[in-house]
Amino acid sequence: MHPSNPITNLSLEDLREIAIGSVTDWKELGLPEGKIQVYSQNPNRGSYEAWRSVVLEDKNNVTLKAKVMDGKDIVKSIVNDPNGIGFSSPLNLINIAVKTVSINECLPTPENIQSGKYPIRRALSLVTKQKIKPEVHEFIEYCLDPKKGQHIIKTLGLVPTRAE
């Protein structure tokens, strides 16, 4: 959200109502008047699938008035739109002046994401055949190593798969 927006928390239900277009003005949530502009990622993106599953409950679509764009462009647009709201990967938030709001009083901290407390998240999986070559096993071990693959993930602003 734009840093000037006074909202600090949304219920998952309020977020859903905004996303599907049932709530179209901030005054409907007890805030100063302002037409809400929803920014959405392309429905073909993996991040949208997590959003659709959790926020839209797999039964709704984002409002037709939403501006659909890449995650980086969403963040850049919200910087210039005090009434904008959108979702993006943490990778797109580095050194960008937008505000992250809590959902159901829960911020998307690494601890809350790892524990499952923060509701909007997606896991990335490594999938193999049952019998794998030694190189594949080495690659998986590298990815899961806290000082190697997990360290890279953390330095990118993402959440490692294992708590440290």
C-alpha atoms as a PDB file:
ATOM      1  CA  MET A   1       0.000   0.000   0.000  1.00  0.00           C
ATOM      2  CA  HIS A   2       1.001   3.604  -0.385  1.00  0.00           C
ATOM      3  CA  PRO A   3       2.776   4.839   2.783  1.00  0.00           C
ATOM      4  CA  SER A   4       0.213   7.645   3.225  1.00  0.00           C
ATOM      5  CA  ASN A   5      -2.688   5.208   3.541  1.00  0.00           C
ATOM      6  CA  PRO A   6      -3.543   5.068   7.274  1.00  0.00           C
ATOM      7  CA  ILE A   7      -4.578   1.409   7.202  1.00  0.00           C
ATOM      8  CA  THR A   8      -2.245  -0.964   9.050  1.00  0.00           C
ATOM      9  CA  ASN A   9      -4.336  -4.145   9.067  1.00  0.00           C
ATOM     10  CA  LEU A  10      -6.987  -5.803   6.937  1.00  0.00           C
ATOM     11  CA  SER A  11      -9.026  -8.847   7.740  1.00  0.00           C
ATOM     12  CA  LEU A  12      -8.774 -11.563   5.142  1.00  0.00           C
ATOM     13  CA  GLU A  13     -12.483 -10.983   4.456  1.00  0.00           C
ATOM     14  CA  ASP A  14     -11.955  -7.223   3.876  1.00  0.00           C
ATOM     15  CA  LEU A  15      -9.061  -8.004   1.563  1.00  0.00           C
ATOM     16  CA  ARG A  16     -11.258 -10.464  -0.349  1.00  0.00           C
ATOM     17  CA  GLU A  17     -14.060  -7.893  -0.667  1.00  0.00           C
ATOM     18  CA  ILE A  18     -11.579  -5.317  -2.006  1.00  0.00           C
ATOM     19  CA  ALA A  19     -10.021  -7.789  -4.432  1.00  0.00           C
ATOM     20  CA  ILE A  20     -13.331  -8.897  -5.953  1.00  0.00           C
ATOM     21  CA  GLY A  21     -14.659  -5.332  -6.133  1.00  0.00           C
ATOM     22  CA  SER A  22     -17.384  -5.513  -3.479  1.00  0.00           C
ATOM     23  CA  VAL A  23     -15.598  -2.793  -1.482  1.00  0.00           C
ATOM     24  CA  THR A  24     -14.567   0.021  -3.831  1.00  0.00           C
ATOM     25  CA  ASP A  25     -13.871   2.988  -1.542  1.00  0.00           C
ATOM     26  CA  TRP A  26     -11.729   3.227   1.581  1.00  0.00           C
ATOM     27  CA  LYS A  27     -14.619   4.996   3.375  1.00  0.00           C
ATOM     28  CA  GLU A  28     -16.448   1.630   3.386  1.00  0.00           C
ATOM     29  CA  LEU A  29     -13.738   0.463   5.799  1.00  0.00           C
ATOM     30  CA  GLY A  30     -13.988   3.554   8.011  1.00  0.00           C
ATOM     31  CA  LEU A  31     -11.114   5.416   6.369  1.00  0.00           C
ATOM     32  CA  PRO A  32     -11.024   8.735   4.510  1.00  0.00           C
ATOM     33  CA  GLU A  33     -12.785   8.653   1.151  1.00  0.00           C
ATOM     34  CA  GLY A  34     -10.810   7.413  -1.818  1.00  0.00           C
ATOM     35  CA  LYS A  35     -11.630   5.066  -4.697  1.00  0.00           C
ATOM     36  CA  ILE A  36      -9.628   1.864  -4.258  1.00  0.00           C
ATOM     37  CA  GLN A  37      -7.450   0.827  -7.188  1.00  0.00           C
ATOM     38  CA  VAL A  38      -6.638  -2.883  -7.144  1.00  0.00           C
ATOM     39  CA  TYR A  39      -3.384  -3.975  -8.780  1.00  0.00           C
ATOM     40  CA  SER A  40      -3.168  -7.658  -9.620  1.00  0.00           C
ATOM     41  CA  GLN A  41      -0.584  -9.982 -11.033  1.00  0.00           C
ATOM     42  CA  ASN A  42      -1.332 -11.898 -14.192  1.00  0.00           C
ATOM     43  CA  PRO A  43      -3.525 -14.949 -13.457  1.00  0.00           C
ATOM     44  CA  ASN A  44      -0.909 -17.115 -15.207  1.00  0.00           C
ATOM     45  CA  ARG A  45       1.692 -16.375 -12.507  1.00  0.00           C
ATOM     46  CA  GLY A  46       2.362 -18.753  -9.632  1.00  0.00           C
ATOM     47  CA  SER A  47       2.011 -15.952  -7.098  1.00  0.00           C
ATOM     48  CA  TYR A  48      -1.505 -15.299  -8.390  1.00  0.00           C
ATOM     49  CA  GLU A  49      -2.422 -18.935  -7.731  1.00  0.00           C
ATOM     50  CA  ALA A  50      -1.544 -18.552  -4.044  1.00  0.00           C
ATOM     51  CA  TRP A  51      -3.517 -15.293  -3.957  1.00  0.00           C
ATOM     52  CA  ARG A  52      -6.502 -16.881  -5.689  1.00  0.00           C
ATOM     53  CA  SER A  53      -6.481 -19.911  -3.402  1.00  0.00           C
ATOM     54  CA  VAL A  54      -6.251 -18.020  -0.109  1.00  0.00           C
ATOM     55  CA  VAL A  55      -7.718 -14.575  -0.723  1.00  0.00           C
ATOM     56  CA  LEU A  56     -10.276 -15.361  -3.402  1.00  0.00           C
ATOM     57  CA  GLU A  57     -10.986 -18.845  -2.008  1.00  0.00           C
ATOM     58  CA  ASP A  58     -10.720 -20.402  -5.498  1.00  0.00           C
ATOM     59  CA  LYS A  59     -14.252 -19.272  -6.252  1.00  0.00           C
ATOM     60  CA  ASN A  60     -13.906 -15.645  -7.204  1.00  0.00           C
ATOM     61  CA  ASN A  61     -11.918 -13.632  -9.669  1.00  0.00           C
ATOM     62  CA  VAL A  62     -10.241 -10.341  -9.032  1.00  0.00           C
ATOM     63  CA  THR A  63     -12.340  -7.314  -9.998  1.00  0.00           C
ATOM     64  CA  LEU A  64     -12.466  -6.435 -13.691  1.00  0.00           C
ATOM     65  CA  LYS A  65     -11.400  -2.909 -12.680  1.00  0.00           C
ATOM     66  CA  ALA A  66      -8.040  -4.228 -11.471  1.00  0.00           C
ATOM     67  CA  LYS A  67      -4.922  -3.191 -13.305  1.00  0.00           C
ATOM     68  CA  VAL A  68      -3.105  -6.407 -14.221  1.00  0.00           C
ATOM     69  CA  MET A  69       0.676  -6.201 -14.444  1.00  0.00           C
ATOM     70  CA  ASP A  70       3.995  -7.660 -13.377  1.00  0.00           C
ATOM     71  CA  GLY A  71       4.823  -7.601  -9.654  1.00  0.00           C
ATOM     72  CA  LYS A  72       7.577  -4.996 -10.061  1.00  0.00           C
ATOM     73  CA  ASP A  73       5.174  -2.744 -11.930  1.00  0.00           C
ATOM     74  CA  ILE A  74       2.541  -3.194  -9.230  1.00  0.00           C
ATOM     75  CA  VAL A  75       4.937  -1.902  -6.612  1.00  0.00           C
ATOM     76  CA  LYS A  76       6.032   1.024  -8.795  1.00  0.00           C
ATOM     77  CA  SER A  77       2.383   1.930  -9.441  1.00  0.00           C
ATOM     78  CA  ILE A  78       1.436   1.837  -5.758  1.00  0.00           C
ATOM     79  CA  VAL A  79       4.306   4.203  -4.936  1.00  0.00           C
ATOM     80  CA  ASN A  80       2.417   6.768  -7.025  1.00  0.00           C
ATOM     81  CA  ASP A  81      -1.148   5.811  -6.046  1.00  0.00           C
ATOM     82  CA  PRO A  82      -2.335   6.681  -2.507  1.00  0.00           C
ATOM     83  CA  ASN A  83      -5.487   4.584  -3.045  1.00  0.00           C
ATOM     84  CA  GLY A  84      -3.765   1.570  -4.577  1.00  0.00           C
ATOM     85  CA  ILE A  85      -3.534  -1.912  -3.131  1.00  0.00           C
ATOM     86  CA  GLY A  86      -1.807  -4.942  -4.591  1.00  0.00           C
ATOM     87  CA  PHE A  87       0.310  -7.956  -3.878  1.00  0.00           C
ATOM     88  CA  SER A  88       3.824  -8.821  -4.895  1.00  0.00           C
ATOM     89  CA  SER A  89       6.771 -11.005  -4.060  1.00  0.00           C
ATOM     90  CA  PRO A  90       9.132  -9.738  -1.351  1.00  0.00           C
ATOM     91  CA  LEU A  91      11.777  -9.605  -4.087  1.00  0.00           C
ATOM     92  CA  ASN A  92       9.967  -6.604  -5.572  1.00  0.00           C
ATOM     93  CA  LEU A  93       9.816  -4.690  -2.288  1.00  0.00           C
ATOM     94  CA  ILE A  94      13.531  -4.183  -1.744  1.00  0.00           C
ATOM     95  CA  ASN A  95      14.343  -0.463  -1.423  1.00  0.00           C
ATOM     96  CA  ILE A  96      10.814   0.561  -2.481  1.00  0.00           C
ATOM     97  CA  ALA A  97       8.725   2.930  -0.365  1.00  0.00           C
ATOM     98  CA  VAL A  98       5.482   0.980  -0.014  1.00  0.00           C
ATOM     99  CA  LYS A  99       3.722  -0.152   3.143  1.00  0.00           C
ATOM    100  CA  THR A 100       3.101  -3.761   4.062  1.00  0.00           C
ATOM    101  CA  VAL A 101      -0.089  -4.244   6.042  1.00  0.00           C
ATOM    102  CA  SER A 102      -0.921  -7.094   8.358  1.00  0.00           C
ATOM    103  CA  ILE A 103      -3.652  -9.577   7.509  1.00  0.00           C
ATOM    104  CA  ASN A 104      -5.792 -10.652  10.466  1.00  0.00           C
ATOM    105  CA  GLU A 105      -3.316  -8.777  12.723  1.00  0.00           C
ATOM    106  CA  CYS A 106      -0.405 -10.849  11.384  1.00  0.00           C
ATOM    107  CA  LEU A 107       2.543  -9.352   9.497  1.00  0.00           C
ATOM    108  CA  PRO A 108       4.363 -11.413   6.847  1.00  0.00           C
ATOM    109  CA  THR A 109       7.521 -11.905   8.902  1.00  0.00           C
ATOM    110  CA  PRO A 110       9.730 -14.923   8.190  1.00  0.00           C
ATOM    111  CA  GLU A 111       8.616 -16.467  11.498  1.00  0.00           C
ATOM    112  CA  ASN A 112       4.911 -15.997  10.706  1.00  0.00           C
ATOM    113  CA  ILE A 113       5.337 -17.370   7.200  1.00  0.00           C
ATOM    114  CA  GLN A 114       7.369 -20.398   8.330  1.00  0.00           C
ATOM    115  CA  SER A 115       4.869 -21.217  11.076  1.00  0.00           C
ATOM    116  CA  GLY A 116       1.895 -20.849   8.724  1.00  0.00           C
ATOM    117  CA  LYS A 117       0.394 -18.075  10.849  1.00  0.00           C
ATOM    118  CA  TYR A 118       0.490 -15.565   7.976  1.00  0.00           C
ATOM    119  CA  PRO A 119      -2.263 -16.752   5.625  1.00  0.00           C
ATOM    120  CA  ILE A 120      -0.985 -15.669   2.199  1.00  0.00           C
ATOM    121  CA  ARG A 121       2.063 -17.668   1.199  1.00  0.00           C
ATOM    122  CA  ARG A 122       3.215 -20.219  -1.295  1.00  0.00           C
ATOM    123  CA  ALA A 123       5.791 -22.927  -1.117  1.00  0.00           C
ATOM    124  CA  LEU A 124       8.249 -23.765  -3.820  1.00  0.00           C
ATOM    125  CA  SER A 125       9.010 -27.451  -4.227  1.00  0.00           C
ATOM    126  CA  LEU A 126      11.784 -29.542  -5.681  1.00  0.00           C
ATOM    127  CA  VAL A 127      10.289 -32.640  -7.256  1.00  0.00           C
ATOM    128  CA  THR A 128      12.252 -35.659  -8.447  1.00  0.00           C
ATOM    129  CA  LYS A 129      11.789 -39.223  -9.525  1.00  0.00           C
ATOM    130  CA  GLN A 130      12.048 -41.758  -6.743  1.00  0.00           C
ATOM    131  CA  LYS A 131      15.511 -42.865  -7.891  1.00  0.00           C
ATOM    132  CA  ILE A 132      17.807 -39.912  -8.493  1.00  0.00           C
ATOM    133  CA  LYS A 133      21.340 -39.448  -9.736  1.00  0.00           C
ATOM    134  CA  PRO A 134      24.025 -38.408  -7.231  1.00  0.00           C
ATOM    135  CA  GLU A 135      24.245 -34.932  -8.858  1.00  0.00           C
ATOM    136  CA  VAL A 136      20.548 -34.355  -8.215  1.00  0.00           C
ATOM    137  CA  HIS A 137      20.940 -35.426  -4.599  1.00  0.00           C
ATOM    138  CA  GLU A 138      23.896 -33.024  -4.230  1.00  0.00           C
ATOM    139  CA  PHE A 139      21.829 -30.199  -5.725  1.00  0.00           C
ATOM    140  CA  ILE A 140      18.959 -30.823  -3.295  1.00  0.00           C
ATOM    141  CA  GLU A 141      21.373 -30.932  -0.356  1.00  0.00           C
ATOM    142  CA  TYR A 142      22.897 -27.637  -1.564  1.00  0.00           C
ATOM    143  CA  CYS A 143      19.437 -26.047  -1.770  1.00  0.00           C
ATOM    144  CA  LEU A 144      18.529 -27.169   1.757  1.00  0.00           C
ATOM    145  CA  ASP A 145      21.872 -26.300   3.367  1.00  0.00           C
ATOM    146  CA  PRO A 146      21.406 -23.305   5.736  1.00  0.00           C
ATOM    147  CA  LYS A 147      24.801 -21.874   4.754  1.00  0.00           C
ATOM    148  CA  LYS A 148      24.339 -22.352   1.018  1.00  0.00           C
ATOM    149  CA  GLY A 149      20.955 -22.486  -0.744  1.00  0.00           C
ATOM    150  CA  GLN A 150      18.900 -21.317   2.217  1.00  0.00           C
ATOM    151  CA  HIS A 151      21.340 -18.451   2.773  1.00  0.00           C
ATOM    152  CA  ILE A 152      20.854 -17.332  -0.843  1.00  0.00           C
ATOM    153  CA  ILE A 153      17.091 -17.449  -0.394  1.00  0.00           C
ATOM    154  CA  LYS A 154      17.332 -15.348   2.750  1.00  0.00           C
ATOM    155  CA  THR A 155      19.616 -12.742   1.143  1.00  0.00           C
ATOM    156  CA  LEU A 156      17.038 -12.336  -1.644  1.00  0.00           C
ATOM    157  CA  GLY A 157      14.427 -11.353   0.952  1.00  0.00           C
ATOM    158  CA  LEU A 158      12.579 -14.651   0.731  1.00  0.00           C
ATOM    159  CA  VAL A 159      11.800 -17.025   3.576  1.00  0.00           C
ATOM    160  CA  PRO A 160      14.043 -20.070   4.021  1.00  0.00           C
ATOM    161  CA  THR A 161      12.362 -23.425   4.264  1.00  0.00           C
ATOM    162  CA  ARG A 162      13.960 -24.255   7.599  1.00  0.00           C
ATOM    163  CA  ALA A 163      14.067 -22.131  10.729  1.00  0.00           C
ATOM    164  CA  GLU A 164      17.554 -21.159  11.827  1.00  0.00           C
END
